[in-house]
């Protein structure tokens, strides 16, 4: 109505209506004055809420899109730019002084805070834009540095079973296109190298039973990592199985060692669980 120059009529009509309500309250008997005023105020609030809901619905449904809003032009663009500068500076600072796990925790916290901000007082459409900013400045730009960070990167996490940190890395990296392949590549390389050292170590080959048990322990360790940290990712599981197949085949006596291991366990009372784990090494 204001847009079509009916603003004065709207204002005058509302003023007259409110004055009429005020006069009706004033005319109320003294003993019922507060009760009547409270009732009129309640009716006014209900009417205001109803009008607001109707106007918002009409705004969304019937008013054509007029292009970029004032929100986008005057606030969102500047907000995203300033946020990018802030996270760029923070990530440069943190990547130098923080262990990989701590850096990932901070990145996760920042993403969660931005989504809370969107949910509480920003337009929902800003959500994807601001998370893309955080993702690029804090994760995408530092993926390889984080993976290979000395004493705290991916290999260190794998060696020390850092399930929470590994899970956080997996969940953050999966937001970036083709980033999980980098985790998979390093995990596979590390697994193959450590497995190769195991199956070619002359000292370990002296005890076939201990040798096979060590392989079983190693397989169980990585299965647990994939289940707990990597969301039971089938690509990771297939890569792990392929790695074990690779270094197991480096030992031509492996089948003989398996037979000796099973024979030893049968004497001790081999259970189904242990036998299943042994069979898994052949898959």
Foldseek 3Di string as FASTA:
>chain_A
DVVVVCVVVVVVVVVVVVVVLVVVLVPDDPVCNVVSVVVVVVVVVVVVVVVVVVVVVCCVPPDDDPPDDCCVVVPLVVVLVVLLVVLLVVQVVCLVPDFLLVLLVVLVVVLVVLVVCCVPDNPVVSNVVNSVSSLVRRDVVCLVCQQPPPCRHLVNCLVVVVLVSLQSNLVSQVVPPPSVVVSLVVVLVVLLVVLLCLQPPPVNVVQLQVSLVVVLVSLVSVCVSCVRRVVVDPVSVVSNLVSLVVNCVVHPCNVVSLVVNVVVVVVVPDDPVVVVSSVSSVD
